[in-house]
Amino acid sequence: MISAALTVHLRFPDPPPPPARDQTDLGLRREFTAALRARAWITDAIATADRINRAGAADPLEGLAEKW
């Protein structure tokens, strides 16, 4: 009986422990924060481009570049 249990354990080792909850939460927080920043930047760029187009700028890309 002991040898059978030992054989099973040697053939199928226990999976590694999951990462600490703090590490997982931190990683998810970083990804979520990066996604929010990207969304804010894209929204700002679209709004700026819309204002430049409504202002009738000759070169909308130049006007957008001046903002940054």
PDB file of N, CA and C in Angstrom:
ATOM      1  N   MET A   1       0.817  -1.185   0.000  1.00  0.00           N
ATOM      2  CA  MET A   1       0.000   0.000   0.000  1.00  0.00           C
ATOM      3  C   MET A   1       0.866   1.257   0.000  1.00  0.00           C
ATOM      4  N   ILE A   2       1.916   1.270   0.801  1.00  0.00           N
ATOM      5  CA  ILE A   2       2.790   2.435   0.858  1.00  0.00           C
ATOM      6  C   ILE A   2       3.514   2.614  -0.465  1.00  0.00           C
ATOM      7  N   SER A   3       3.979   1.540  -1.058  1.00  0.00           N
ATOM      8  CA  SER A   3       4.704   1.666  -2.322  1.00  0.00           C
ATOM      9  C   SER A   3       3.792   2.182  -3.427  1.00  0.00           C
ATOM     10  N   ALA A   4       2.520   1.802  -3.448  1.00  0.00           N
ATOM     11  CA  ALA A   4       1.581   2.295  -4.459  1.00  0.00           C
ATOM     12  C   ALA A   4       1.371   3.797  -4.291  1.00  0.00           C
ATOM     13  N   ALA A   5       1.224   4.264  -3.074  1.00  0.00           N
ATOM     14  CA  ALA A   5       1.043   5.695  -2.824  1.00  0.00           C
ATOM     15  C   ALA A   5       2.294   6.465  -3.209  1.00  0.00           C
ATOM     16  N   LEU A   6       3.451   5.927  -2.929  1.00  0.00           N
ATOM     17  CA  LEU A   6       4.707   6.574  -3.283  1.00  0.00           C
ATOM     18  C   LEU A   6       4.862   6.638  -4.794  1.00  0.00           C
ATOM     19  N   THR A   7       4.506   5.571  -5.496  1.00  0.00           N
ATOM     20  CA  THR A   7       4.604   5.546  -6.950  1.00  0.00           C
ATOM     21  C   THR A   7       3.683   6.590  -7.572  1.00  0.00           C
ATOM     22  N   VAL A   8       2.465   6.689  -7.083  1.00  0.00           N
ATOM     23  CA  VAL A   8       1.529   7.678  -7.613  1.00  0.00           C
ATOM     24  C   VAL A   8       2.066   9.076  -7.379  1.00  0.00           C
ATOM     25  N   HIS A   9       2.611   9.325  -6.209  1.00  0.00           N
ATOM     26  CA  HIS A   9       3.147  10.648  -5.908  1.00  0.00           C
ATOM     27  C   HIS A   9       4.343  10.969  -6.801  1.00  0.00           C
ATOM     28  N   LEU A  10       5.184  10.006  -7.062  1.00  0.00           N
ATOM     29  CA  LEU A  10       6.344  10.254  -7.904  1.00  0.00           C
ATOM     30  C   LEU A  10       5.940  10.456  -9.360  1.00  0.00           C
ATOM     31  N   ARG A  11       4.924   9.773  -9.799  1.00  0.00           N
ATOM     32  CA  ARG A  11       4.494   9.902 -11.184  1.00  0.00           C
ATOM     33  C   ARG A  11       3.681  11.174 -11.410  1.00  0.00           C
ATOM     34  N   PHE A  12       2.903  11.581 -10.431  1.00  0.00           N
ATOM     35  CA  PHE A  12       2.048  12.747 -10.561  1.00  0.00           C
ATOM     36  C   PHE A  12       2.308  13.693  -9.396  1.00  0.00           C
ATOM     37  N   PRO A  13       3.335  14.502  -9.491  1.00  0.00           N
ATOM     38  CA  PRO A  13       3.649  15.398  -8.370  1.00  0.00           C
ATOM     39  C   PRO A  13       2.548  16.446  -8.192  1.00  0.00           C
ATOM     40  N   ASP A  14       2.484  16.974  -6.999  1.00  0.00           N
ATOM     41  CA  ASP A  14       1.501  18.020  -6.713  1.00  0.00           C
ATOM     42  C   ASP A  14       1.798  19.238  -7.579  1.00  0.00           C
ATOM     43  N   PRO A  15       0.767  19.946  -8.012  1.00  0.00           N
ATOM     44  CA  PRO A  15       0.998  21.163  -8.798  1.00  0.00           C
ATOM     45  C   PRO A  15       1.644  22.225  -7.917  1.00  0.00           C
ATOM     46  N   PRO A  16       2.338  23.167  -8.533  1.00  0.00           N
ATOM     47  CA  PRO A  16       2.958  24.225  -7.725  1.00  0.00           C
ATOM     48  C   PRO A  16       1.874  25.069  -7.061  1.00  0.00           C
ATOM     49  N   PRO A  17       2.193  25.678  -5.952  1.00  0.00           N
ATOM     50  CA  PRO A  17       1.188  26.503  -5.271  1.00  0.00           C
ATOM     51  C   PRO A  17       0.857  27.730  -6.121  1.00  0.00           C
ATOM     52  N   PRO A  18      -0.346  28.248  -6.017  1.00  0.00           N
ATOM     53  CA  PRO A  18      -0.699  29.445  -6.786  1.00  0.00           C
ATOM     54  C   PRO A  18       0.100  30.641  -6.269  1.00  0.00           C
ATOM     55  N   PRO A  19       0.254  31.667  -7.097  1.00  0.00           N
ATOM     56  CA  PRO A  19       0.994  32.841  -6.622  1.00  0.00           C
ATOM     57  C   PRO A  19       0.254  33.497  -5.461  1.00  0.00           C
ATOM     58  N   ALA A  20       0.996  34.223  -4.682  1.00  0.00           N
ATOM     59  CA  ALA A  20       0.389  34.917  -3.541  1.00  0.00           C
ATOM     60  C   ALA A  20      -0.686  35.872  -4.043  1.00  0.00           C
ATOM     61  N   ARG A  21      -1.724  36.024  -3.273  1.00  0.00           N
ATOM     62  CA  ARG A  21      -2.851  36.863  -3.692  1.00  0.00           C
ATOM     63  C   ARG A  21      -2.410  38.300  -3.956  1.00  0.00           C
ATOM     64  N   ASP A  22      -1.503  38.804  -3.155  1.00  0.00           N
ATOM     65  CA  ASP A  22      -1.039  40.175  -3.344  1.00  0.00           C
ATOM     66  C   ASP A  22      -0.383  40.345  -4.706  1.00  0.00           C
ATOM     67  N   GLN A  23       0.412  39.370  -5.134  1.00  0.00           N
ATOM     68  CA  GLN A  23       1.072  39.460  -6.436  1.00  0.00           C
ATOM     69  C   GLN A  23       0.052  39.432  -7.562  1.00  0.00           C
ATOM     70  N   THR A  24      -0.947  38.565  -7.446  1.00  0.00           N
ATOM     71  CA  THR A  24      -1.980  38.478  -8.478  1.00  0.00           C
ATOM     72  C   THR A  24      -2.779  39.771  -8.537  1.00  0.00           C
ATOM     73  N   ASP A  25      -3.186  40.279  -7.389  1.00  0.00           N
ATOM     74  CA  ASP A  25      -3.953  41.525  -7.357  1.00  0.00           C
ATOM     75  C   ASP A  25      -3.141  42.676  -7.922  1.00  0.00           C
ATOM     76  N   LEU A  26      -1.859  42.728  -7.596  1.00  0.00           N
ATOM     77  CA  LEU A  26      -1.009  43.799  -8.092  1.00  0.00           C
ATOM     78  C   LEU A  26      -0.901  43.733  -9.608  1.00  0.00           C
ATOM     79  N   GLY A  27      -0.724  42.541 -10.149  1.00  0.00           N
ATOM     80  CA  GLY A  27      -0.634  42.391 -11.601  1.00  0.00           C
ATOM     81  C   GLY A  27      -1.915  42.811 -12.296  1.00  0.00           C
ATOM     82  N   LEU A  28      -3.045  42.409 -11.739  1.00  0.00           N
ATOM     83  CA  LEU A  28      -4.329  42.797 -12.334  1.00  0.00           C
ATOM     84  C   LEU A  28      -4.546  44.299 -12.233  1.00  0.00           C
ATOM     85  N   ARG A  29      -4.154  44.875 -11.102  1.00  0.00           N
ATOM     86  CA  ARG A  29      -4.294  46.326 -10.940  1.00  0.00           C
ATOM     87  C   ARG A  29      -3.460  47.075 -11.969  1.00  0.00           C
ATOM     88  N   ARG A  30      -2.234  46.606 -12.206  1.00  0.00           N
ATOM     89  CA  ARG A  30      -1.375  47.270 -13.192  1.00  0.00           C
ATOM     90  C   ARG A  30      -1.984  47.194 -14.588  1.00  0.00           C
ATOM     91  N   GLU A  31      -2.490  46.025 -14.963  1.00  0.00           N
ATOM     92  CA  GLU A  31      -3.096  45.879 -16.285  1.00  0.00           C
ATOM     93  C   GLU A  31      -4.337  46.758 -16.414  1.00  0.00           C
ATOM     94  N   PHE A  32      -5.160  46.798 -15.380  1.00  0.00           N
ATOM     95  CA  PHE A  32      -6.370  47.610 -15.420  1.00  0.00           C
ATOM     96  C   PHE A  32      -6.017  49.093 -15.510  1.00  0.00           C
ATOM     97  N   THR A  33      -5.016  49.522 -14.751  1.00  0.00           N
ATOM     98  CA  THR A  33      -4.592  50.917 -14.784  1.00  0.00           C
ATOM     99  C   THR A  33      -4.055  51.286 -16.157  1.00  0.00           C
ATOM    100  N   ALA A  34      -3.258  50.401 -16.750  1.00  0.00           N
ATOM    101  CA  ALA A  34      -2.720  50.663 -18.084  1.00  0.00           C
ATOM    102  C   ALA A  34      -3.843  50.763 -19.108  1.00  0.00           C
ATOM    103  N   ALA A  35      -4.845  49.908 -18.988  1.00  0.00           N
ATOM    104  CA  ALA A  35      -5.976  49.953 -19.919  1.00  0.00           C
ATOM    105  C   ALA A  35      -6.751  51.260 -19.763  1.00  0.00           C
ATOM    106  N   LEU A  36      -6.930  51.712 -18.530  1.00  0.00           N
ATOM    107  CA  LEU A  36      -7.635  52.977 -18.310  1.00  0.00           C
ATOM    108  C   LEU A  36      -6.847  54.152 -18.871  1.00  0.00           C
ATOM    109  N   ARG A  37      -5.535  54.134 -18.694  1.00  0.00           N
ATOM    110  CA  ARG A  37      -4.704  55.209 -19.250  1.00  0.00           C
ATOM    111  C   ARG A  37      -4.780  55.227 -20.768  1.00  0.00           C
ATOM    112  N   ALA A  38      -4.714  54.047 -21.380  1.00  0.00           N
ATOM    113  CA  ALA A  38      -4.796  53.969 -22.840  1.00  0.00           C
ATOM    114  C   ALA A  38      -6.145  54.493 -23.320  1.00  0.00           C
ATOM    115  N   ARG A  39      -7.204  54.100 -22.640  1.00  0.00           N
ATOM    116  CA  ARG A  39      -8.536  54.563 -23.038  1.00  0.00           C
ATOM    117  C   ARG A  39      -8.642  56.084 -22.902  1.00  0.00           C
ATOM    118  N   ALA A  40      -8.117  56.630 -21.818  1.00  0.00           N
ATOM    119  CA  ALA A  40      -8.163  58.078 -21.616  1.00  0.00           C
ATOM    120  C   ALA A  40      -7.367  58.803 -22.696  1.00  0.00           C
ATOM    121  N   TRP A  41      -6.197  58.263 -23.046  1.00  0.00           N
ATOM    122  CA  TRP A  41      -5.374  58.896 -24.078  1.00  0.00           C
ATOM    123  C   TRP A  41      -6.089  58.863 -25.423  1.00  0.00           C
ATOM    124  N   ILE A  42      -6.674  57.735 -25.777  1.00  0.00           N
ATOM    125  CA  ILE A  42      -7.374  57.609 -27.058  1.00  0.00           C
ATOM    126  C   ILE A  42      -8.585  58.544 -27.098  1.00  0.00           C
ATOM    127  N   THR A  43      -9.336  58.600 -26.004  1.00  0.00           N
ATOM    128  CA  THR A  43     -10.494  59.492 -25.944  1.00  0.00           C
ATOM    129  C   THR A  43     -10.063  60.941 -26.100  1.00  0.00           C
ATOM    130  N   ASP A  44      -8.977  61.328 -25.441  1.00  0.00           N
ATOM    131  CA  ASP A  44      -8.457  62.691 -25.541  1.00  0.00           C
ATOM    132  C   ASP A  44      -7.995  62.992 -26.958  1.00  0.00           C
ATOM    133  N   ALA A  45      -7.308  62.042 -27.590  1.00  0.00           N
ATOM    134  CA  ALA A  45      -6.826  62.254 -28.963  1.00  0.00           C
ATOM    135  C   ALA A  45      -7.996  62.421 -29.932  1.00  0.00           C
ATOM    136  N   ILE A  46      -9.032  61.622 -29.775  1.00  0.00           N
ATOM    137  CA  ILE A  46     -10.202  61.735 -30.663  1.00  0.00           C
ATOM    138  C   ILE A  46     -10.912  63.069 -30.445  1.00  0.00           C
ATOM    139  N   ALA A  47     -11.074  63.467 -29.193  1.00  0.00           N
ATOM    140  CA  ALA A  47     -11.731  64.744 -28.902  1.00  0.00           C
ATOM    141  C   ALA A  47     -10.925  65.911 -29.452  1.00  0.00           C
ATOM    142  N   THR A  48      -9.616  65.856 -29.312  1.00  0.00           N
ATOM    143  CA  THR A  48      -8.758  66.920 -29.838  1.00  0.00           C
ATOM    144  C   THR A  48      -8.840  66.971 -31.356  1.00  0.00           C
ATOM    145  N   ALA A  49      -8.793  65.816 -32.004  1.00  0.00           N
ATOM    146  CA  ALA A  49      -8.891  65.781 -33.468  1.00  0.00           C
ATOM    147  C   ALA A  49     -10.234  66.340 -33.922  1.00  0.00           C
ATOM    148  N   ASP A  50     -11.288  66.058 -33.185  1.00  0.00           N
ATOM    149  CA  ASP A  50     -12.609  66.578 -33.536  1.00  0.00           C
ATOM    150  C   ASP A  50     -12.640  68.098 -33.413  1.00  0.00           C
ATOM    151  N   ARG A  51     -12.051  68.637 -32.351  1.00  0.00           N
ATOM    152  CA  ARG A  51     -12.008  70.097 -32.187  1.00  0.00           C
ATOM    153  C   ARG A  51     -11.194  70.742 -33.295  1.00  0.00           C
ATOM    154  N   ILE A  52     -10.088  70.122 -33.674  1.00  0.00           N
ATOM    155  CA  ILE A  52      -9.246  70.681 -34.731  1.00  0.00           C
ATOM    156  C   ILE A  52     -10.003  70.669 -36.056  1.00  0.00           C
ATOM    157  N   ASN A  53     -10.695  69.573 -36.347  1.00  0.00           N
ATOM    158  CA  ASN A  53     -11.458  69.498 -37.594  1.00  0.00           C
ATOM    159  C   ASN A  53     -12.574  70.536 -37.625  1.00  0.00           C
ATOM    160  N   ARG A  54     -13.253  70.755 -36.503  1.00  0.00           N
ATOM    161  CA  ARG A  54     -14.325  71.750 -36.462  1.00  0.00           C
ATOM    162  C   ARG A  54     -13.768  73.164 -36.557  1.00  0.00           C
ATOM    163  N   ALA A  55     -12.516  73.368 -36.139  1.00  0.00           N
ATOM    164  CA  ALA A  55     -11.901  74.686 -36.213  1.00  0.00           C
ATOM    165  C   ALA A  55     -11.460  75.005 -37.634  1.00  0.00           C
ATOM    166  N   GLY A  56     -11.481  74.009 -38.521  1.00  0.00           N
ATOM    167  CA  GLY A  56     -11.104  74.238 -39.915  1.00  0.00           C
ATOM    168  C   GLY A  56      -9.608  74.405 -40.101  1.00  0.00           C
ATOM    169  N   ALA A  57      -8.819  73.735 -39.310  1.00  0.00           N
ATOM    170  CA  ALA A  57      -7.366  73.831 -39.444  1.00  0.00           C
ATOM    171  C   ALA A  57      -6.934  73.275 -40.796  1.00  0.00           C
ATOM    172  N   ALA A  58      -5.940  73.917 -41.393  1.00  0.00           N
ATOM    173  CA  ALA A  58      -5.446  73.465 -42.690  1.00  0.00           C
ATOM    174  C   ALA A  58      -4.795  72.096 -42.572  1.00  0.00           C
ATOM    175  N   ASP A  59      -4.061  71.894 -41.502  1.00  0.00           N
ATOM    176  CA  ASP A  59      -3.376  70.614 -41.299  1.00  0.00           C
ATOM    177  C   ASP A  59      -3.768  70.062 -39.930  1.00  0.00           C
ATOM    178  N   PRO A  60      -4.801  69.210 -39.870  1.00  0.00           N
ATOM    179  CA  PRO A  60      -5.269  68.717 -38.568  1.00  0.00           C
ATOM    180  C   PRO A  60      -4.198  67.967 -37.777  1.00  0.00           C
ATOM    181  N   LEU A  61      -3.311  67.253 -38.452  1.00  0.00           N
ATOM    182  CA  LEU A  61      -2.266  66.522 -37.732  1.00  0.00           C
ATOM    183  C   LEU A  61      -1.285  67.472 -37.059  1.00  0.00           C
ATOM    184  N   GLU A  62      -0.996  68.581 -37.709  1.00  0.00           N
ATOM    185  CA  GLU A  62      -0.092  69.565 -37.103  1.00  0.00           C
ATOM    186  C   GLU A  62      -0.730  70.157 -35.844  1.00  0.00           C
ATOM    187  N   GLY A  63      -2.010  70.450 -35.917  1.00  0.00           N
ATOM    188  CA  GLY A  63      -2.713  70.967 -34.742  1.00  0.00           C
ATOM    189  C   GLY A  63      -2.739  69.961 -33.608  1.00  0.00           C
ATOM    190  N   LEU A  64      -2.897  68.689 -33.951  1.00  0.00           N
ATOM    191  CA  LEU A  64      -2.893  67.647 -32.933  1.00  0.00           C
ATOM    192  C   LEU A  64      -1.503  67.503 -32.321  1.00  0.00           C
ATOM    193  N   ALA A  65      -0.467  67.611 -33.141  1.00  0.00           N
ATOM    194  CA  ALA A  65       0.905  67.492 -32.647  1.00  0.00           C
ATOM    195  C   ALA A  65       1.257  68.650 -31.709  1.00  0.00           C
ATOM    196  N   GLU A  66       0.703  69.825 -31.952  1.00  0.00           N
ATOM    197  CA  GLU A  66       0.995  70.982 -31.100  1.00  0.00           C
ATOM    198  C   GLU A  66       0.486  70.772 -29.676  1.00  0.00           C
ATOM    199  N   LYS A  67      -0.609  70.015 -29.541  1.00  0.00           N
ATOM    200  CA  LYS A  67      -1.145  69.773 -28.202  1.00  0.00           C
ATOM    201  C   LYS A  67      -0.141  69.014 -27.347  1.00  0.00           C
ATOM    202  N   TRP A  68       0.594  68.085 -27.956  1.00  0.00           N
ATOM    203  CA  TRP A  68       1.575  67.311 -27.209  1.00  0.00           C
ATOM    204  C   TRP A  68       2.940  67.801 -27.548  1.00  0.00           C
TER     205      TRP A  68
END
